[in-house]
Amino acid sequence: MSAEVVSIVVLLVLFVVGTARSVNLGILGFAAAYGVGILAVGMSAEDIVALFPGDLFLVLVSLTLLFGFAAHNGSIELLVTWVMRACRGRVALAPWVFFTLTALLISLGALFAVAIVAPLAMPFARRYRLDPLMMGMMVVHGALAGAFSPISVYGVFINSYLDDQGLPVSPLVLFVVPIVFNVLVAAVLYVVRGGWRAGGRIEAEEAEETDGADGAGRTATPAGGGTATVTAAPTTARPTTYQAVTLLALAVLAVGTTAFGADITALAMLLATVLAVANPAAAKESLGTVSWSVVVLVTGMVTYIEVLQQAGTVTFVSDGIIAVGAPLLAALLLYYLAGVTSAMASSVGIISVAIALAVPFLEAGSVDPILFVVGLAIASTIVDVSPFSTNGALVLANVADEDRDRFYRQLLVYAGIVVAVGPGLAWLTVLAPSGL
C-alpha cells in the first residue's frame, strides 16, 4: 500500500475515532503525524517537529488570552447588558438582538460565543413564548455569521494558511460574505417559523445602581398575553476603568489588524501584556481561559496535513479532483464532502483538511481561489446547527427538560435540511457565478 493511500486511510480513521470516542482531533493528528511520517514516509522525528506551525500556535494563544481578560473582568457581561437593552421594546425583535450579540462576540474572538448567549436566549424564548427552534438557530447562525472575522480563530487560520501557500487572500471577503449568507438564512428561518408574528412588548424599569451594581425588576407582556416578571442578575451598565481599557484593547486589535495591517500576533500579545501589567491577578485567570483544546486541535491537524504534503497525498487527491474534468462540479463535491463530514466532526479540522487537499487544484487556476475558499468555509460551518456539533449541542443543552425531546426532533429535521441544501447553496451563490 502506497504512502498516499496509507495516509488517507489514517485520516479517515482519525475522524471516525475522534467523533465516536470524543477525542480531540489534534491529539490524534499529532500521533498520526509521527506514525505515518516515520513508518510510511520515512521521515525522522525531528523532521516532523519542524512541521509544527509555531506561528499559528502563537496567534491562537495570543487571541484567546486577550479575550480571556474580557471574559474574566466582566467586559463580556457588560456587552451583553448593553445589547440586551435593545430588547426593551418589541418581543419580535429579540431573535435579531441575540443573533447580533452572538455575531459580535465571536467576531471579537469569543470562539464559544454560543455558550455565552444560548443560556440567555433559550429561557427568554420560553418566557415570551417564542419558537425555541427559531431562537436557538438564530443564535447559531449569528455565530456562523461573525465566525470569519480577521481576528477570529477561523479567520486567522484560513487567512494565514492561504498566505503560507502563496494563494491570494481577502480577509474582508471572507468576513463579509458569510455574514450576508447567514443573515439571509436567518431571515428565512425567522419568517418561516413565525418570529415576526410575536406580539407584546418588554417593559423594563431603569436599573437602580447600588454600590456599582444594579438590580432590575422587569415586568413584561409575553407574546401570548399575560404578564411576567424578569429579574436580571445584578450588573452595572457603566464600565470600570479596567473594563473600559479591555474593551478599548479589543477595538484596537480589530482596527489595527483590519485597517492598518498590523501583525495580529504581535498586536494581540502586546495588548494582552498591557492588560496583564495593569492587573497581574487578572492575567493569571486569563491564562487559564486560553482555548488549549482548540490550539491542540488546529496545530495537530495542520501538522498532519504537512505530513500529507510530504507523502504526496495532497497532490494525489488534487489530481483526482482535477480528473473530474469540470472544476465547478469538483468544487461542489468538495463542498458536500466537507459539509456532511463537518456535521459530525470539528469544523476547524474539516476546513483545514479540505483547503489543504484543494491547494493544487486552486493553483491550477480552474476556479477563483478566494471565492472557492469562502464558499468552502460556509459549506463547512453552516451544518453546525446539527445536534452532533458543538453549537447545536450547546443550544440543545439550554432547552427546558420537558421540551428537550421535541426540540431535539425538530433540530434533527432542520439540521437534515441544512446539510442537504446548505453546501449546495453556498456553491450556487458564492462560487458558481464566478465560473458561469
Protein backbone atom coordinates (compact mmCIF):
# COMPACT_ATOMS: atom_id res chain seq x y z
CA MET A 1 0.00 0.00 0.00
CA SER A 2 1.45 3.36 -1.02
CA ALA A 3 2.16 6.17 1.44
CA GLU A 4 -0.61 8.23 -0.14
CA VAL A 5 -3.24 5.55 0.44
CA VAL A 6 -1.98 4.82 3.96
CA SER A 7 -2.20 8.49 4.91
CA ILE A 8 -5.75 8.77 3.56
CA VAL A 9 -6.89 5.66 5.44
CA VAL A 10 -5.33 7.00 8.63
CA LEU A 11 -7.07 10.33 8.08
CA LEU A 12 -10.45 8.61 7.81
CA VAL A 13 -9.74 6.53 10.91
CA LEU A 14 -8.72 9.71 12.70
CA PHE A 15 -12.09 11.36 12.07
CA VAL A 16 -14.06 8.22 12.92
CA VAL A 17 -12.23 7.64 16.21
CA GLY A 18 -12.31 11.32 17.13
CA THR A 19 -16.07 11.52 16.56
CA ALA A 20 -17.02 8.17 18.07
CA ARG A 21 -14.80 8.50 21.14
CA SER A 22 -14.91 12.29 21.54
CA VAL A 23 -11.13 12.54 21.42
CA ASN A 24 -9.51 15.85 20.44
CA LEU A 25 -8.60 15.53 16.75
CA GLY A 26 -5.39 17.44 17.36
CA ILE A 27 -4.06 14.74 19.69
CA LEU A 28 -4.89 12.12 17.09
CA GLY A 29 -3.35 14.34 14.43
CA PHE A 30 -0.02 14.55 16.25
CA ALA A 31 0.02 10.77 16.77
CA ALA A 32 -0.87 10.19 13.12
CA ALA A 33 1.85 12.62 12.01
CA TYR A 34 4.50 10.63 13.84
CA GLY A 35 3.11 7.23 12.85
CA VAL A 36 2.59 7.93 9.15
CA GLY A 37 5.60 10.23 8.85
CA ILE A 38 8.09 7.81 10.34
CA LEU A 39 6.67 4.45 9.22
CA ALA A 40 5.18 5.26 5.82
CA VAL A 41 7.01 8.33 4.55
CA GLY A 42 10.44 7.71 6.04
CA MET A 43 10.69 10.98 7.95
CA SER A 44 12.56 11.42 11.22
CA ALA A 45 11.02 12.66 14.45
CA GLU A 46 13.00 15.89 14.04
CA ASP A 47 11.51 16.38 10.58
CA ILE A 48 8.00 16.10 11.99
CA VAL A 49 8.70 18.51 14.85
CA ALA A 50 9.92 21.02 12.27
CA LEU A 51 6.49 20.91 10.65
CA PHE A 52 4.76 22.19 13.80
CA PRO A 53 3.03 25.53 12.95
CA GLY A 54 4.65 27.72 15.58
CA ASP A 55 3.29 30.96 14.12
CA LEU A 56 -0.27 29.62 14.17
CA PHE A 57 0.20 28.39 17.74
CA LEU A 58 1.24 31.86 18.88
CA VAL A 59 -1.63 33.66 17.20
CA LEU A 60 -4.23 31.29 18.67
CA VAL A 61 -2.77 31.62 22.15
CA SER A 62 -2.47 35.40 21.98
CA LEU A 63 -6.03 35.86 20.69
CA THR A 64 -7.69 33.59 23.23
CA LEU A 65 -5.54 35.06 26.00
CA LEU A 66 -6.62 38.60 25.13
CA PHE A 67 -10.28 37.61 25.05
CA GLY A 68 -9.79 35.84 28.36
CA PHE A 69 -9.29 39.21 30.05
CA ALA A 70 -12.65 40.38 28.69
CA ALA A 71 -14.33 37.18 29.85
CA HIS A 72 -12.96 37.38 33.39
CA ASN A 73 -13.22 41.07 34.22
CA GLY A 74 -16.89 41.43 33.33
CA SER A 75 -16.43 43.17 29.97
CA ILE A 76 -18.39 40.45 28.18
CA GLU A 77 -21.25 40.71 30.67
CA LEU A 78 -21.18 44.45 30.06
CA LEU A 79 -21.56 43.94 26.31
CA VAL A 80 -24.40 41.53 26.96
CA THR A 81 -26.12 44.10 29.16
CA TRP A 82 -25.83 46.81 26.53
CA VAL A 83 -27.13 44.60 23.74
CA MET A 84 -29.91 43.12 25.87
CA ARG A 85 -31.24 46.64 26.40
CA ALA A 86 -32.19 46.59 22.74
CA CYS A 87 -34.84 44.03 23.71
CA ARG A 88 -36.69 46.68 25.71
CA GLY A 89 -39.26 47.06 23.00
CA ARG A 90 -40.93 44.62 20.63
CA VAL A 91 -40.52 40.97 21.51
CA ALA A 92 -40.41 40.15 17.80
CA LEU A 93 -37.03 41.90 17.51
CA ALA A 94 -35.41 39.85 20.27
CA PRO A 95 -34.19 36.99 17.99
CA TRP A 96 -32.25 39.51 15.91
CA VAL A 97 -30.77 41.02 19.06
CA PHE A 98 -29.43 37.62 20.12
CA PHE A 99 -28.23 36.97 16.55
CA THR A 100 -26.30 40.25 16.58
CA LEU A 101 -24.89 39.67 20.05
CA THR A 102 -23.52 36.24 19.14
CA ALA A 103 -22.05 37.55 15.88
CA LEU A 104 -20.39 40.44 17.72
CA LEU A 105 -18.86 38.25 20.40
CA ILE A 106 -17.42 35.64 18.04
CA SER A 107 -16.09 38.28 15.65
CA LEU A 108 -14.16 39.77 18.59
CA GLY A 109 -12.56 36.40 19.33
CA ALA A 110 -15.06 34.57 21.57
CA LEU A 111 -14.83 31.16 19.92
CA PHE A 112 -17.60 29.76 22.12
CA ALA A 113 -19.98 32.70 21.79
CA VAL A 114 -22.94 30.32 21.59
CA ALA A 115 -22.07 29.09 25.08
CA ILE A 116 -22.37 32.68 26.32
CA VAL A 117 -25.58 33.65 24.52
CA ALA A 118 -27.62 30.42 24.43
CA PRO A 119 -28.23 30.38 28.22
CA LEU A 120 -29.77 33.85 27.82
CA ALA A 121 -31.68 33.28 24.60
CA MET A 122 -33.42 29.97 25.28
CA PRO A 123 -35.04 30.93 28.62
CA PHE A 124 -36.05 34.22 27.00
CA ALA A 125 -37.78 32.33 24.19
CA ARG A 126 -39.62 30.13 26.68
CA ARG A 127 -40.70 33.09 28.82
CA TYR A 128 -42.08 35.06 25.89
CA ARG A 129 -43.42 32.04 24.00
CA LEU A 130 -41.14 32.48 21.03
CA ASP A 131 -40.40 29.43 18.89
CA PRO A 132 -37.39 27.77 20.60
CA LEU A 133 -36.01 26.28 17.38
CA MET A 134 -36.03 29.68 15.72
CA MET A 135 -34.38 31.35 18.71
CA GLY A 136 -31.71 28.67 19.11
CA MET A 137 -30.84 28.63 15.44
CA MET A 138 -30.76 32.45 15.31
CA VAL A 139 -28.03 32.24 17.95
CA VAL A 140 -26.09 29.62 15.98
CA HIS A 141 -26.41 31.48 12.67
CA GLY A 142 -25.26 34.62 14.44
CA ALA A 143 -22.11 32.78 15.49
CA LEU A 144 -21.58 31.48 11.96
CA ALA A 145 -22.12 34.99 10.57
CA GLY A 146 -19.27 36.51 12.57
CA ALA A 147 -17.01 33.45 12.69
CA PHE A 148 -14.64 34.54 9.93
CA SER A 149 -13.61 37.99 11.10
CA PRO A 150 -9.90 38.78 10.66
CA ILE A 151 -9.37 38.41 14.42
CA SER A 152 -11.38 35.22 14.99
CA VAL A 153 -9.81 31.77 15.20
CA TYR A 154 -11.46 30.67 11.95
CA GLY A 155 -10.49 33.81 10.06
CA VAL A 156 -6.92 33.87 11.32
CA PHE A 157 -6.37 30.22 10.50
CA ILE A 158 -7.72 30.38 6.94
CA ASN A 159 -6.01 33.65 6.04
CA SER A 160 -2.64 32.61 7.44
CA TYR A 161 -2.79 29.17 5.79
CA LEU A 162 -3.63 30.60 2.37
CA ASP A 163 -0.89 33.17 2.72
CA ASP A 164 1.65 30.46 3.61
CA GLN A 165 0.61 28.54 0.49
CA GLY A 166 1.10 31.60 -1.70
CA LEU A 167 -2.59 31.82 -2.58
CA PRO A 168 -4.50 35.12 -2.75
CA VAL A 169 -6.11 36.24 0.49
CA SER A 170 -9.04 38.59 1.06
CA PRO A 171 -9.90 38.87 4.79
CA LEU A 172 -12.70 41.32 4.01
CA VAL A 173 -14.46 39.00 1.56
CA LEU A 174 -14.03 36.05 3.92
CA PHE A 175 -15.62 38.12 6.68
CA VAL A 176 -18.47 39.82 4.83
CA VAL A 177 -19.83 37.02 2.62
CA PRO A 178 -20.61 34.58 5.50
CA ILE A 179 -22.34 37.45 7.30
CA VAL A 180 -24.62 38.11 4.32
CA PHE A 181 -25.22 34.39 3.76
CA ASN A 182 -26.19 33.69 7.37
CA VAL A 183 -28.30 36.83 7.67
CA LEU A 184 -30.33 35.63 4.68
CA VAL A 185 -30.66 32.10 6.08
CA ALA A 186 -31.67 33.51 9.47
CA ALA A 187 -34.21 35.79 7.79
CA VAL A 188 -35.84 32.82 6.05
CA LEU A 189 -35.89 30.90 9.33
CA TYR A 190 -37.36 33.92 11.13
CA VAL A 191 -40.17 34.28 8.61
CA VAL A 192 -40.97 30.57 8.23
CA ARG A 193 -41.01 29.95 12.00
CA GLY A 194 -43.21 32.99 12.60
CA GLY A 195 -40.86 35.17 14.56
CA TRP A 196 -42.37 38.28 13.04
CA ARG A 197 -45.78 37.35 14.44
CA ALA A 198 -44.63 37.61 18.07
CA GLY A 199 -46.64 40.26 19.85
CA GLY A 200 -46.18 42.11 23.10
CA ARG A 201 -43.53 44.44 24.37
CA ILE A 202 -40.85 44.14 27.01
CA GLU A 203 -41.40 46.79 29.63
CA ALA A 204 -38.28 47.33 31.71
CA GLU A 205 -37.60 49.73 34.51
CA GLU A 206 -34.38 51.62 34.50
CA ALA A 207 -31.82 49.89 36.67
CA GLU A 208 -31.15 51.40 40.04
CA GLU A 209 -27.45 51.45 40.64
CA THR A 210 -26.36 50.36 44.07
CA ASP A 211 -22.72 50.13 45.05
CA GLY A 212 -21.66 49.87 41.42
CA ALA A 213 -24.34 47.30 40.59
CA ASP A 214 -27.97 47.42 39.66
CA GLY A 215 -30.91 45.16 40.16
CA ALA A 216 -33.68 45.40 37.62
CA GLY A 217 -37.14 44.01 38.24
CA ARG A 218 -38.67 43.88 34.76
CA THR A 219 -42.38 43.40 34.16
CA ALA A 220 -43.21 42.25 30.66
CA THR A 221 -46.09 41.17 28.50
CA PRO A 222 -45.35 37.81 26.83
CA ALA A 223 -46.26 37.12 23.24
CA GLY A 224 -49.30 35.11 24.23
CA GLY A 225 -50.67 37.63 26.72
CA GLY A 226 -50.49 37.90 30.48
CA THR A 227 -47.59 39.31 32.44
CA ALA A 228 -44.22 38.06 33.52
CA THR A 229 -41.52 39.43 35.75
CA VAL A 230 -37.91 39.15 34.68
CA THR A 231 -35.32 39.52 37.41
CA ALA A 232 -31.95 40.42 35.99
CA ALA A 233 -28.76 39.42 37.71
CA PRO A 234 -27.09 42.43 39.36
CA THR A 235 -24.76 44.04 36.88
CA THR A 236 -23.54 47.55 36.16
CA ALA A 237 -24.12 49.25 32.84
CA ARG A 238 -21.17 51.56 33.43
CA PRO A 239 -17.72 50.12 32.74
CA THR A 240 -14.99 50.27 35.31
CA THR A 241 -11.69 51.74 34.21
CA TYR A 242 -10.20 48.30 33.66
CA GLN A 243 -13.24 47.14 31.67
CA ALA A 244 -13.04 50.26 29.52
CA VAL A 245 -9.36 49.59 28.84
CA THR A 246 -10.16 45.97 27.96
CA LEU A 247 -12.88 46.94 25.51
CA LEU A 248 -10.55 49.55 24.03
CA ALA A 249 -7.91 46.83 23.59
CA LEU A 250 -10.35 44.68 21.62
CA ALA A 251 -11.26 47.68 19.46
CA VAL A 252 -7.57 48.46 18.85
CA LEU A 253 -6.96 44.86 17.80
CA ALA A 254 -9.86 44.94 15.35
CA VAL A 255 -8.95 48.31 13.83
CA GLY A 256 -5.20 47.77 13.89
CA THR A 257 -5.29 44.45 12.04
CA THR A 258 -8.03 45.27 9.53
CA ALA A 259 -7.43 48.94 8.77
CA PHE A 260 -3.68 49.23 9.26
CA GLY A 261 -2.46 45.71 8.53
CA ALA A 262 -0.76 45.25 11.91
CA ASP A 263 0.56 41.79 12.69
CA ILE A 264 -2.23 40.14 14.65
CA THR A 265 0.04 38.04 16.88
CA ALA A 266 2.29 40.93 17.85
CA LEU A 267 -0.60 43.32 18.48
CA ALA A 268 -2.69 40.81 20.45
CA MET A 269 0.26 39.83 22.62
CA LEU A 270 1.19 43.48 23.20
CA LEU A 271 -2.35 44.36 24.26
CA ALA A 272 -2.56 41.28 26.50
CA THR A 273 0.73 42.29 28.10
CA VAL A 274 -0.59 45.79 28.84
CA LEU A 275 -3.69 44.31 30.50
CA ALA A 276 -1.55 41.82 32.44
CA VAL A 277 0.80 44.51 33.79
CA ALA A 278 -2.21 46.63 34.77
CA ASN A 279 -3.77 43.72 36.67
CA PRO A 280 -1.45 40.73 37.35
CA ALA A 281 -4.23 38.79 39.13
CA ALA A 282 -6.41 39.02 36.04
CA ALA A 283 -3.51 37.74 33.94
CA LYS A 284 -3.36 34.51 35.95
CA GLU A 285 -7.08 33.92 35.49
CA SER A 286 -6.98 34.79 31.79
CA LEU A 287 -4.16 32.37 31.09
CA GLY A 288 -6.45 29.60 32.29
CA THR A 289 -9.06 30.58 29.71
CA VAL A 290 -6.77 30.08 26.72
CA SER A 291 -8.57 27.61 24.45
CA TRP A 292 -5.89 24.95 24.66
CA SER A 293 -8.22 22.30 23.23
CA VAL A 294 -8.67 24.42 20.10
CA VAL A 295 -4.95 25.19 19.93
CA VAL A 296 -4.15 21.47 20.08
CA LEU A 297 -6.88 20.67 17.54
CA VAL A 298 -5.69 23.17 14.95
CA THR A 299 -1.94 22.68 15.35
CA GLY A 300 -2.26 18.89 15.46
CA MET A 301 -4.33 18.76 12.30
CA VAL A 302 -2.06 21.21 10.49
CA THR A 303 0.99 19.14 11.45
CA TYR A 304 -0.62 16.02 10.00
CA ILE A 305 -1.56 17.96 6.86
CA GLU A 306 2.10 18.87 6.44
CA VAL A 307 2.93 15.17 6.63
CA LEU A 308 0.27 14.53 3.97
CA GLN A 309 2.05 17.01 1.74
CA GLN A 310 5.37 15.31 2.34
CA ALA A 311 3.78 11.97 1.44
CA GLY A 312 2.40 13.38 -1.80
CA THR A 313 -1.18 12.81 -0.67
CA VAL A 314 -2.31 16.36 -1.36
CA THR A 315 -1.15 16.20 -4.96
CA PHE A 316 -2.57 12.68 -5.30
CA VAL A 317 -6.06 13.77 -4.18
CA SER A 318 -5.93 17.04 -6.10
CA ASP A 319 -5.08 15.18 -9.31
CA GLY A 320 -8.17 13.07 -8.73
CA ILE A 321 -10.26 16.21 -8.30
CA ILE A 322 -8.90 17.74 -11.49
CA ALA A 323 -9.57 14.46 -13.31
CA VAL A 324 -13.30 15.05 -12.80
CA GLY A 325 -12.93 17.41 -15.73
CA ALA A 326 -15.45 20.00 -14.58
CA PRO A 327 -13.89 22.33 -11.98
CA LEU A 328 -17.22 23.63 -10.67
CA LEU A 329 -18.57 20.09 -10.28
CA ALA A 330 -15.40 19.05 -8.46
CA ALA A 331 -15.80 22.04 -6.16
CA LEU A 332 -19.41 21.10 -5.45
CA LEU A 333 -18.33 17.58 -4.48
CA LEU A 334 -15.72 19.02 -2.11
CA TYR A 335 -18.30 21.34 -0.56
CA TYR A 336 -20.65 18.46 0.19
CA LEU A 337 -17.85 16.24 1.43
CA ALA A 338 -16.76 18.96 3.85
CA GLY A 339 -20.31 19.81 4.89
CA VAL A 340 -21.53 16.29 5.56
CA THR A 341 -18.36 15.39 7.47
CA SER A 342 -18.38 18.62 9.46
CA ALA A 343 -21.92 17.96 10.68
CA MET A 344 -20.45 15.07 12.69
CA ALA A 345 -16.97 16.40 13.47
CA SER A 346 -14.93 19.55 14.06
CA SER A 347 -15.48 22.32 11.51
CA VAL A 348 -11.97 23.70 12.04
CA GLY A 349 -10.44 20.29 11.41
CA ILE A 350 -12.56 19.69 8.31
CA ILE A 351 -11.78 23.11 6.84
CA SER A 352 -8.05 22.62 7.36
CA VAL A 353 -8.06 19.29 5.54
CA ALA A 354 -10.38 20.40 2.73
CA ILE A 355 -8.37 23.53 1.95
CA ALA A 356 -5.11 21.59 2.04
CA LEU A 357 -6.41 18.98 -0.39
CA ALA A 358 -7.70 21.71 -2.70
CA VAL A 359 -4.47 23.78 -2.83
CA PRO A 360 -3.02 22.23 -6.03
CA PHE A 361 -6.49 22.35 -7.54
CA LEU A 362 -6.66 26.07 -6.74
CA GLU A 363 -3.15 26.70 -8.01
CA ALA A 364 -4.25 25.35 -11.37
CA GLY A 365 -6.48 28.40 -11.68
CA SER A 366 -9.60 26.45 -12.63
CA VAL A 367 -11.77 28.39 -10.14
CA ASP A 368 -11.44 31.66 -8.27
CA PRO A 369 -9.39 30.67 -5.17
CA ILE A 370 -10.82 33.37 -2.89
CA LEU A 371 -14.44 32.59 -3.70
CA PHE A 372 -13.76 28.85 -3.53
CA VAL A 373 -12.38 29.15 0.00
CA VAL A 374 -15.18 31.46 1.13
CA GLY A 375 -17.79 29.04 -0.20
CA LEU A 376 -15.98 26.12 1.41
CA ALA A 377 -15.88 27.96 4.73
CA ILE A 378 -19.64 28.46 4.59
CA ALA A 379 -20.33 24.88 3.46
CA SER A 380 -18.21 23.51 6.31
CA THR A 381 -19.80 25.62 9.06
CA ILE A 382 -23.43 26.09 8.06
CA VAL A 383 -24.01 22.50 9.19
CA ASP A 384 -23.00 23.39 12.76
CA VAL A 385 -26.72 23.57 13.53
CA SER A 386 -26.51 19.78 13.90
CA PRO A 387 -27.10 18.50 17.46
CA PHE A 388 -23.92 16.48 17.00
CA SER A 389 -21.85 19.64 16.59
CA THR A 390 -20.69 21.86 19.45
CA ASN A 391 -23.01 24.77 18.64
CA GLY A 392 -26.10 22.65 18.14
CA ALA A 393 -25.37 20.70 21.32
CA LEU A 394 -24.94 23.92 23.34
CA VAL A 395 -28.36 25.15 22.24
CA LEU A 396 -29.95 21.78 23.00
CA ALA A 397 -28.40 21.78 26.47
CA ASN A 398 -30.17 25.05 27.32
CA VAL A 399 -33.66 23.86 26.40
CA ALA A 400 -36.02 23.12 29.29
CA ASP A 401 -36.07 19.42 30.22
CA GLU A 402 -39.74 18.95 29.34
CA ASP A 403 -39.21 20.44 25.87
CA ARG A 404 -35.90 18.80 25.03
CA ASP A 405 -37.15 15.67 23.23
CA ARG A 406 -39.45 17.67 20.98
CA PHE A 407 -36.74 20.25 20.34
CA TYR A 408 -34.24 17.50 19.52
CA ARG A 409 -36.55 16.05 16.87
CA GLN A 410 -37.13 19.48 15.37
CA LEU A 411 -33.41 20.17 15.38
CA LEU A 412 -32.68 16.90 13.60
CA VAL A 413 -35.13 17.81 10.83
CA TYR A 414 -33.70 21.31 10.50
CA ALA A 415 -30.12 20.00 10.51
CA GLY A 416 -31.02 17.45 7.84
CA ILE A 417 -32.40 20.19 5.61
CA VAL A 418 -29.33 22.36 6.14
CA VAL A 419 -26.90 19.51 5.45
CA ALA A 420 -28.79 18.62 2.27
CA VAL A 421 -29.17 22.18 0.99
CA GLY A 422 -26.51 24.32 2.70
CA PRO A 423 -23.31 23.28 0.89
CA GLY A 424 -25.08 23.39 -2.47
CA LEU A 425 -26.49 26.81 -1.72
CA ALA A 426 -23.02 28.06 -0.74
CA TRP A 427 -21.68 26.74 -4.06
CA LEU A 428 -24.55 28.20 -6.06
CA THR A 429 -24.42 31.69 -4.54
CA VAL A 430 -20.71 32.17 -3.87
CA LEU A 431 -18.63 30.15 -6.34
CA ALA A 432 -20.82 29.17 -9.31
CA PRO A 433 -21.46 32.75 -10.54
CA SER A 434 -17.71 33.29 -10.99
CA GLY A 435 -17.45 30.29 -13.35
CA LEU A 436 -20.53 30.93 -15.47
